[in-house]
C-alpha atoms as a PDB file:
ATOM      1  CA  MET A   1     -15.722  -7.605 -33.239  1.00  0.00           C
ATOM      2  CA  GLN A   2     -16.928  -9.018 -29.899  1.00  0.00           C
ATOM      3  CA  ALA A   3     -13.985 -10.778 -29.564  1.00  0.00           C
ATOM      4  CA  ALA A   4     -11.509  -7.972 -29.819  1.00  0.00           C
ATOM      5  CA  GLU A   5     -13.895  -6.110 -27.538  1.00  0.00           C
ATOM      6  CA  LYS A   6     -14.012  -8.772 -24.682  1.00  0.00           C
ATOM      7  CA  LYS A   7     -10.135  -9.176 -25.221  1.00  0.00           C
ATOM      8  CA  LYS A   8      -9.893  -5.467 -24.438  1.00  0.00           C
ATOM      9  CA  ALA A   9     -12.445  -5.464 -21.574  1.00  0.00           C
ATOM     10  CA  GLU A  10     -10.169  -8.288 -20.254  1.00  0.00           C
ATOM     11  CA  GLU A  11      -6.719  -6.342 -20.743  1.00  0.00           C
ATOM     12  CA  GLU A  12      -8.403  -3.418 -19.072  1.00  0.00           C
ATOM     13  CA  ALA A  13      -9.728  -5.345 -16.242  1.00  0.00           C
ATOM     14  CA  ARG A  14      -6.115  -6.914 -15.956  1.00  0.00           C
ATOM     15  CA  VAL A  15      -4.623  -3.248 -15.660  1.00  0.00           C
ATOM     16  CA  LEU A  16      -7.044  -2.221 -12.981  1.00  0.00           C
ATOM     17  CA  LYS A  17      -6.224  -5.188 -10.985  1.00  0.00           C
ATOM     18  CA  LEU A  18      -2.759  -4.473 -11.034  1.00  0.00           C
ATOM     19  CA  LYS A  19      -3.223  -0.905 -10.236  1.00  0.00           C
ATOM     20  CA  LEU A  20      -5.356  -1.748  -7.247  1.00  0.00           C
ATOM     21  CA  GLU A  21      -2.532  -4.345  -6.068  1.00  0.00           C
ATOM     22  CA  ALA A  22       0.159  -1.926  -6.211  1.00  0.00           C
ATOM     23  CA  GLU A  23      -2.055   0.542  -4.362  1.00  0.00           C
ATOM     24  CA  ARG A  24      -2.486  -1.868  -1.598  1.00  0.00           C
ATOM     25  CA  ARG A  25       0.845  -2.436  -1.517  1.00  0.00           C
ATOM     26  CA  THR A  26       1.568   1.476  -1.123  1.00  0.00           C
ATOM     27  CA  VAL A  27      -0.954   1.669   1.788  1.00  0.00           C
ATOM     28  CA  GLU A  28       0.526  -1.205   3.422  1.00  0.00           C
ATOM     29  CA  GLU A  29       3.884   0.296   3.118  1.00  0.00           C
ATOM     30  CA  ALA A  30       2.855   3.582   4.382  1.00  0.00           C
ATOM     31  CA  GLN A  31       1.207   1.814   7.597  1.00  0.00           C
ATOM     32  CA  LYS A  32       4.352  -0.061   8.048  1.00  0.00           C
ATOM     33  CA  ILE A  33       6.312   3.136   8.115  1.00  0.00           C
ATOM     34  CA  ARG A  34       3.981   5.073  10.459  1.00  0.00           C
ATOM     35  CA  GLN A  35       3.831   2.003  13.072  1.00  0.00           C
ATOM     36  CA  GLU A  36       7.714   2.255  12.846  1.00  0.00           C
ATOM     37  CA  GLU A  37       7.305   5.914  13.433  1.00  0.00           C
ATOM     38  CA  LEU A  38       5.069   5.599  16.561  1.00  0.00           C
ATOM     39  CA  ARG A  39       7.341   3.092  17.807  1.00  0.00           C
ATOM     40  CA  VAL A  40      10.384   5.373  17.773  1.00  0.00           C
ATOM     41  CA  GLU A  41       8.517   8.112  19.310  1.00  0.00           C
ATOM     42  CA  ALA A  42       7.375   5.809  22.101  1.00  0.00           C
ATOM     43  CA  LEU A  43      11.089   4.464  22.823  1.00  0.00           C
ATOM     44  CA  ASP A  44      12.302   8.324  22.509  1.00  0.00           C
ATOM     45  CA  SER A  45       9.519   9.429  24.789  1.00  0.00           C
ATOM     46  CA  ALA A  46      10.343   6.513  27.112  1.00  0.00           C
ATOM     47  CA  ARG A  47      14.199   7.293  27.106  1.00  0.00           C
ATOM     48  CA  LYS A  48      13.525  10.793  27.785  1.00  0.00           C
ATOM     49  CA  ARG A  49      11.572   9.798  30.897  1.00  0.00           C
ATOM     50  CA  ALA A  50      14.225   7.532  32.233  1.00  0.00           C
ATOM     51  CA  GLU A  51      16.915  10.401  32.178  1.00  0.00           C
END
């Protein structure tokens, strides 16, 4: 019985690690998108000032 419980706990830990990794990647992607948005805003602002 303990072996089954250990296997279940290991599987749950594996699933949680995968979820955490997916969330981390999602956060990183969101940060990259925001950085690109800020870059575009800065370029747009500079272009308007140059006109």
